[in-house]
Each structure stands twice: as C-alpha cells, then as structure tokens.
Amino acid sequence: MKKLLYGFAVMLIAAAPALAAIEAGNGELGVGVGSTQMDSDYTNLDSGTSLAVRGGYFFNPKFELEGQLASTTANVSGSSDDATFRTYMVNGVYNFQTPKAIVPYVLAGVGMGDAEFQNQSDSATAFQVGGGSRFFFGKEKRAAFRLDLAMIQQKFDTTTNDMNISAGFTWRLGK
C-alpha cells in the first residue's frame, strides 16, 4: 500500500511541469476500465474488473463536479460464484494547473454502493478519495487518456475499503 501511494505521489510530481483544454463551462465525458482490490479483511473476494462511465462540468479550470457510475465484478474465493458491486458517485475534482497537456487532479466523492451476490442485494453509503492525471492529445486537445487511483469506502454491515486503479479515455465538450 505504501509503495502504491509513493508511486502515485511520484506520478503527480512528474506531471506537475506538464493546462490543457479545461475551461469554465466545458463538460467532459469518459469511460474507463480497471482493477479493484477488494477489502480482504471483510470479504472472501478476489480482485475484480471494474467498468466506469463519467460525466463532468467545469465551474472553472480548477474545479469540476463529476458524476460517476461504476460496476465491479469479483470472484468469490474458492468458488465459481461472482459478486457484483455498483457505485453511483458525485465527485468534486480539483485540477492542478500545468503549462502543457497533462492535468493532474485529486477528487473526493460521496454516493451509494450496491452489492449483489446469489440473488441477494444490499445498499450502502459510499465515499471515495483519489487522484490521477489526464494526458490530453490531438491538435485541439479535446481527448485525453486518464489514469485514476482511488480508495472507495462502503458502509454495509461492515465497512469495506477497496482500492481501484483504472485507465480510460475522456472527451472534452464545449469551447
């Protein structure tokens, strides 16, 4: 865990010398795929594959409000059964201003988590903190490759802390 956080900090520092196409009133749509390490203290689950869609609105170049829908499917250890987790999050995103096409950011969010296993389901409050970078490309800098690292806490009967690393693409809408 410490190595992962250290690597993330190095990535943010390395990206610091790198403004992309983020302006007030712009929007953003994105998709991503990742891997979620389920909380082994409270679950019998292996790591799972996550898929996510995002949409956001930039109030100014530094602050974005983002909606995120994500789904993770994980195998139950020692069986052929799968469990599915869905999160519906609203995230506040702070974008660091940089002089080129790389935009590092941090985010914090709140929402709802759903768990489904063997025809049983449960819902819980979910919280998320994380960060990453967008790497804009193309002449108009309207598209970006996005890397995220996030910790998601869900409060079911027990509190779980899951780590997610994901990569995807985002498209800038607007000006």
C-alpha atoms as a PDB file:
ATOM      1  CA  MET A   1       0.000   0.000   0.000  1.00  0.00           C
ATOM      2  CA  LYS A   2       2.787   2.449   0.902  1.00  0.00           C
ATOM      3  CA  LYS A   3       4.595   1.633  -2.347  1.00  0.00           C
ATOM      4  CA  LEU A   4       1.398   2.287  -4.318  1.00  0.00           C
ATOM      5  CA  LEU A   5       0.877   5.664  -2.617  1.00  0.00           C
ATOM      6  CA  TYR A   6       4.553   6.546  -3.098  1.00  0.00           C
ATOM      7  CA  GLY A   7       4.305   5.684  -6.813  1.00  0.00           C
ATOM      8  CA  PHE A   8       1.192   7.813  -7.121  1.00  0.00           C
ATOM      9  CA  ALA A   9       2.918  10.780  -5.450  1.00  0.00           C
ATOM     10  CA  VAL A  10       5.881  10.445  -7.833  1.00  0.00           C
ATOM     11  CA  MET A  11       3.458  10.376 -10.804  1.00  0.00           C
ATOM     12  CA  LEU A  12       1.803  13.628  -9.645  1.00  0.00           C
ATOM     13  CA  ILE A  13       5.152  15.350  -9.104  1.00  0.00           C
ATOM     14  CA  ALA A  14       6.413  14.213 -12.505  1.00  0.00           C
ATOM     15  CA  ALA A  15       3.255  15.539 -14.162  1.00  0.00           C
ATOM     16  CA  ALA A  16       3.478  18.940 -12.443  1.00  0.00           C
ATOM     17  CA  PRO A  17       5.755  20.550 -15.068  1.00  0.00           C
ATOM     18  CA  ALA A  18       3.474  19.441 -17.754  1.00  0.00           C
ATOM     19  CA  LEU A  19      -3.029  23.433 -18.849  1.00  0.00           C
ATOM     20  CA  ALA A  20      -4.795  21.536 -21.152  1.00  0.00           C
ATOM     21  CA  ALA A  21      -8.150  22.198 -22.678  1.00  0.00           C
ATOM     22  CA  ILE A  22     -10.072  22.773 -19.469  1.00  0.00           C
ATOM     23  CA  GLU A  23     -12.142  25.976 -19.263  1.00  0.00           C
ATOM     24  CA  ALA A  24     -15.153  27.238 -17.293  1.00  0.00           C
ATOM     25  CA  GLY A  25     -18.391  25.984 -18.829  1.00  0.00           C
ATOM     26  CA  ASN A  26     -16.822  22.982 -20.555  1.00  0.00           C
ATOM     27  CA  GLY A  27     -18.041  19.466 -19.981  1.00  0.00           C
ATOM     28  CA  GLU A  28     -16.360  16.100 -20.074  1.00  0.00           C
ATOM     29  CA  LEU A  29     -17.465  12.534 -20.824  1.00  0.00           C
ATOM     30  CA  GLY A  30     -15.331   9.488 -20.177  1.00  0.00           C
ATOM     31  CA  VAL A  31     -15.115   5.724 -19.911  1.00  0.00           C
ATOM     32  CA  GLY A  32     -12.633   3.529 -18.111  1.00  0.00           C
ATOM     33  CA  VAL A  33     -11.665   0.004 -17.169  1.00  0.00           C
ATOM     34  CA  GLY A  34      -9.718  -1.026 -14.108  1.00  0.00           C
ATOM     35  CA  SER A  35      -8.911  -3.442 -11.361  1.00  0.00           C
ATOM     36  CA  THR A  36     -10.405  -3.264  -7.874  1.00  0.00           C
ATOM     37  CA  GLN A  37      -8.623  -4.858  -4.941  1.00  0.00           C
ATOM     38  CA  MET A  38     -11.445  -5.869  -2.621  1.00  0.00           C
ATOM     39  CA  ASP A  39     -11.015  -5.420   1.145  1.00  0.00           C
ATOM     40  CA  SER A  40      -9.654  -8.817   2.196  1.00  0.00           C
ATOM     41  CA  ASP A  41     -10.280  -8.095   5.893  1.00  0.00           C
ATOM     42  CA  TYR A  42     -14.045  -8.355   5.405  1.00  0.00           C
ATOM     43  CA  THR A  43     -14.674 -10.162   2.140  1.00  0.00           C
ATOM     44  CA  ASN A  44     -13.924 -13.509   0.572  1.00  0.00           C
ATOM     45  CA  LEU A  45     -13.463 -11.847  -2.804  1.00  0.00           C
ATOM     46  CA  ASP A  46     -10.615 -11.825  -5.266  1.00  0.00           C
ATOM     47  CA  SER A  47      -9.732  -8.609  -7.055  1.00  0.00           C
ATOM     48  CA  GLY A  48     -12.296  -7.678  -9.682  1.00  0.00           C
ATOM     49  CA  THR A  49     -12.601  -5.935 -13.016  1.00  0.00           C
ATOM     50  CA  SER A  50     -14.289  -2.544 -12.978  1.00  0.00           C
ATOM     51  CA  LEU A  51     -16.002  -0.579 -15.736  1.00  0.00           C
ATOM     52  CA  ALA A  52     -16.959   3.087 -15.312  1.00  0.00           C
ATOM     53  CA  VAL A  53     -18.597   5.995 -17.135  1.00  0.00           C
ATOM     54  CA  ARG A  54     -18.165   9.602 -16.054  1.00  0.00           C
ATOM     55  CA  GLY A  55     -19.566  12.998 -16.925  1.00  0.00           C
ATOM     56  CA  GLY A  56     -18.480  16.331 -15.526  1.00  0.00           C
ATOM     57  CA  TYR A  57     -18.951  20.092 -15.653  1.00  0.00           C
ATOM     58  CA  PHE A  58     -16.093  22.576 -15.133  1.00  0.00           C
ATOM     59  CA  PHE A  59     -17.107  25.561 -12.994  1.00  0.00           C
ATOM     60  CA  ASN A  60     -13.647  26.992 -13.655  1.00  0.00           C
ATOM     61  CA  PRO A  61     -10.350  25.485 -14.854  1.00  0.00           C
ATOM     62  CA  LYS A  62      -9.575  24.169 -11.374  1.00  0.00           C
ATOM     63  CA  PHE A  63     -12.924  22.798 -10.115  1.00  0.00           C
ATOM     64  CA  GLU A  64     -15.152  20.175 -11.727  1.00  0.00           C
ATOM     65  CA  LEU A  65     -18.288  18.427 -10.481  1.00  0.00           C
ATOM     66  CA  GLU A  66     -18.386  14.875 -11.826  1.00  0.00           C
ATOM     67  CA  GLY A  67     -20.933  12.070 -11.819  1.00  0.00           C
ATOM     68  CA  GLN A  68     -19.564   8.531 -11.947  1.00  0.00           C
ATOM     69  CA  LEU A  69     -21.240   5.148 -12.425  1.00  0.00           C
ATOM     70  CA  ALA A  70     -19.027   2.110 -11.895  1.00  0.00           C
ATOM     71  CA  SER A  71     -19.540  -1.625 -11.771  1.00  0.00           C
ATOM     72  CA  THR A  72     -17.091  -4.225 -10.439  1.00  0.00           C
ATOM     73  CA  THR A  73     -17.411  -7.987 -10.752  1.00  0.00           C
ATOM     74  CA  ALA A  74     -15.270 -10.101  -8.436  1.00  0.00           C
ATOM     75  CA  ASN A  75     -14.960 -13.856  -7.993  1.00  0.00           C
ATOM     76  CA  VAL A  76     -15.747 -15.336  -4.576  1.00  0.00           C
ATOM     77  CA  SER A  77     -12.568 -17.092  -3.395  1.00  0.00           C
ATOM     78  CA  GLY A  78     -12.783 -20.873  -3.672  1.00  0.00           C
ATOM     79  CA  SER A  79     -15.982 -20.936  -5.750  1.00  0.00           C
ATOM     80  CA  SER A  80     -17.279 -20.257  -9.232  1.00  0.00           C
ATOM     81  CA  ASP A  81     -19.678 -17.570  -7.931  1.00  0.00           C
ATOM     82  CA  ASP A  82     -19.307 -13.873  -8.719  1.00  0.00           C
ATOM     83  CA  ALA A  83     -20.351 -10.823  -6.735  1.00  0.00           C
ATOM     84  CA  THR A  84     -21.230  -7.524  -8.400  1.00  0.00           C
ATOM     85  CA  PHE A  85     -20.703  -4.095  -6.852  1.00  0.00           C
ATOM     86  CA  ARG A  86     -22.038  -0.873  -8.341  1.00  0.00           C
ATOM     87  CA  THR A  87     -21.256   2.659  -7.178  1.00  0.00           C
ATOM     88  CA  TYR A  88     -23.124   5.848  -8.051  1.00  0.00           C
ATOM     89  CA  MET A  89     -20.898   8.755  -7.067  1.00  0.00           C
ATOM     90  CA  VAL A  90     -20.818  12.568  -7.185  1.00  0.00           C
ATOM     91  CA  ASN A  91     -17.206  13.723  -7.099  1.00  0.00           C
ATOM     92  CA  GLY A  92     -15.615  17.115  -6.568  1.00  0.00           C
ATOM     93  CA  VAL A  93     -12.466  17.257  -8.699  1.00  0.00           C
ATOM     94  CA  TYR A  94      -9.624  19.750  -8.170  1.00  0.00           C
ATOM     95  CA  ASN A  95      -7.426  20.142 -11.279  1.00  0.00           C
ATOM     96  CA  PHE A  96      -3.860  21.363 -10.820  1.00  0.00           C
ATOM     97  CA  GLN A  97      -2.934  23.975 -13.407  1.00  0.00           C
ATOM     98  CA  THR A  98       0.035  22.987 -15.529  1.00  0.00           C
ATOM     99  CA  PRO A  99       1.634  24.583 -18.602  1.00  0.00           C
ATOM    100  CA  LYS A 100       1.184  21.756 -21.120  1.00  0.00           C
ATOM    101  CA  ALA A 101      -1.178  18.871 -21.934  1.00  0.00           C
ATOM    102  CA  ILE A 102      -1.008  16.940 -18.650  1.00  0.00           C
ATOM    103  CA  VAL A 103      -3.547  17.766 -15.932  1.00  0.00           C
ATOM    104  CA  PRO A 104      -3.094  16.018 -12.557  1.00  0.00           C
ATOM    105  CA  TYR A 105      -6.066  16.112 -10.168  1.00  0.00           C
ATOM    106  CA  VAL A 106      -7.408  14.965  -6.824  1.00  0.00           C
ATOM    107  CA  LEU A 107     -11.017  14.032  -6.144  1.00  0.00           C
ATOM    108  CA  ALA A 108     -13.385  13.316  -3.281  1.00  0.00           C
ATOM    109  CA  GLY A 109     -16.878  11.930  -3.657  1.00  0.00           C
ATOM    110  CA  VAL A 110     -19.969  10.602  -1.946  1.00  0.00           C
ATOM    111  CA  GLY A 111     -22.682   8.341  -3.250  1.00  0.00           C
ATOM    112  CA  MET A 112     -24.289   4.948  -2.974  1.00  0.00           C
ATOM    113  CA  GLY A 113     -22.941   1.428  -3.330  1.00  0.00           C
ATOM    114  CA  ASP A 114     -24.940  -1.680  -4.244  1.00  0.00           C
ATOM    115  CA  ALA A 115     -23.759  -5.252  -3.701  1.00  0.00           C
ATOM    116  CA  GLU A 116     -25.336  -8.299  -5.350  1.00  0.00           C
ATOM    117  CA  PHE A 117     -24.489 -11.938  -4.655  1.00  0.00           C
ATOM    118  CA  GLN A 118     -26.528 -15.118  -5.138  1.00  0.00           C
ATOM    119  CA  ASN A 119     -29.842 -13.275  -5.639  1.00  0.00           C
ATOM    120  CA  GLN A 120     -29.275 -11.162  -2.517  1.00  0.00           C
ATOM    121  CA  SER A 121     -28.549  -7.459  -2.582  1.00  0.00           C
ATOM    122  CA  ASP A 122     -27.639  -4.676  -0.190  1.00  0.00           C
ATOM    123  CA  SER A 123     -27.106  -0.906  -0.475  1.00  0.00           C
ATOM    124  CA  ALA A 124     -24.787   1.350   1.453  1.00  0.00           C
ATOM    125  CA  THR A 125     -23.341   4.836   1.607  1.00  0.00           C
ATOM    126  CA  ALA A 126     -20.093   5.092  -0.341  1.00  0.00           C
ATOM    127  CA  PHE A 127     -17.192   7.536  -0.092  1.00  0.00           C
ATOM    128  CA  GLN A 128     -14.275   7.949  -2.468  1.00  0.00           C
ATOM    129  CA  VAL A 129     -10.932   9.766  -2.442  1.00  0.00           C
ATOM    130  CA  GLY A 130      -8.351   9.557  -5.167  1.00  0.00           C
ATOM    131  CA  GLY A 131      -6.399  11.247  -7.858  1.00  0.00           C
ATOM    132  CA  GLY A 132      -4.750  10.823 -11.186  1.00  0.00           C
ATOM    133  CA  SER A 133      -3.883  12.622 -14.397  1.00  0.00           C
ATOM    134  CA  ARG A 134      -5.407  13.375 -17.769  1.00  0.00           C
ATOM    135  CA  PHE A 135      -2.992  13.288 -20.725  1.00  0.00           C
ATOM    136  CA  PHE A 136      -4.572  15.398 -23.495  1.00  0.00           C
ATOM    137  CA  PHE A 137      -3.663  14.716 -27.106  1.00  0.00           C
ATOM    138  CA  GLY A 138      -4.586  15.834 -30.628  1.00  0.00           C
ATOM    139  CA  LYS A 139      -4.457  19.256 -32.260  1.00  0.00           C
ATOM    140  CA  GLU A 140      -7.396  20.693 -30.292  1.00  0.00           C
ATOM    141  CA  LYS A 141      -6.599  18.780 -27.067  1.00  0.00           C
ATOM    142  CA  ARG A 142     -10.212  17.527 -26.861  1.00  0.00           C
ATOM    143  CA  ALA A 143      -9.385  13.918 -25.976  1.00  0.00           C
ATOM    144  CA  ALA A 144      -7.319  12.597 -23.097  1.00  0.00           C
ATOM    145  CA  PHE A 145      -6.023   9.352 -21.700  1.00  0.00           C
ATOM    146  CA  ARG A 146      -6.966   9.230 -17.990  1.00  0.00           C
ATOM    147  CA  LEU A 147      -5.308   7.311 -15.153  1.00  0.00           C
ATOM    148  CA  ASP A 148      -7.015   7.072 -11.734  1.00  0.00           C
ATOM    149  CA  LEU A 149      -6.165   5.656  -8.341  1.00  0.00           C
ATOM    150  CA  ALA A 150      -8.986   5.718  -5.762  1.00  0.00           C
ATOM    151  CA  MET A 151      -9.954   4.312  -2.388  1.00  0.00           C
ATOM    152  CA  ILE A 152     -13.664   3.525  -2.093  1.00  0.00           C
ATOM    153  CA  GLN A 153     -15.207   3.017   1.331  1.00  0.00           C
ATOM    154  CA  GLN A 154     -18.650   1.408   1.584  1.00  0.00           C
ATOM    155  CA  LYS A 155     -20.593   1.057   4.834  1.00  0.00           C
ATOM    156  CA  PHE A 156     -22.597  -2.170   4.599  1.00  0.00           C
ATOM    157  CA  ASP A 157     -22.958  -4.295   7.772  1.00  0.00           C
ATOM    158  CA  THR A 158     -19.189  -3.855   7.968  1.00  0.00           C
ATOM    159  CA  THR A 159     -17.144  -1.052   6.442  1.00  0.00           C
ATOM    160  CA  THR A 160     -15.035  -2.058   3.442  1.00  0.00           C
ATOM    161  CA  ASN A 161     -12.103  -0.160   1.941  1.00  0.00           C
ATOM    162  CA  ASP A 162     -11.450  -1.136  -1.675  1.00  0.00           C
ATOM    163  CA  MET A 163      -8.642   0.178  -3.896  1.00  0.00           C
ATOM    164  CA  ASN A 164      -9.245   0.808  -7.602  1.00  0.00           C
ATOM    165  CA  ILE A 165      -6.754   1.614 -10.328  1.00  0.00           C
ATOM    166  CA  SER A 166      -8.197   2.413 -13.746  1.00  0.00           C
ATOM    167  CA  ALA A 167      -7.361   3.772 -17.164  1.00  0.00           C
ATOM    168  CA  GLY A 168      -9.641   5.177 -19.806  1.00  0.00           C
ATOM    169  CA  PHE A 169     -10.446   7.964 -22.219  1.00  0.00           C
ATOM    170  CA  THR A 170     -12.200  11.263 -21.713  1.00  0.00           C
ATOM    171  CA  TRP A 171     -13.552  13.746 -24.234  1.00  0.00           C
ATOM    172  CA  ARG A 172     -13.885  17.471 -23.597  1.00  0.00           C
ATOM    173  CA  LEU A 173     -17.190  19.059 -24.572  1.00  0.00           C
ATOM    174  CA  GLY A 174     -17.681  22.759 -25.221  1.00  0.00           C
ATOM    175  CA  LYS A 175     -15.296  25.530 -26.194  1.00  0.00           C
END
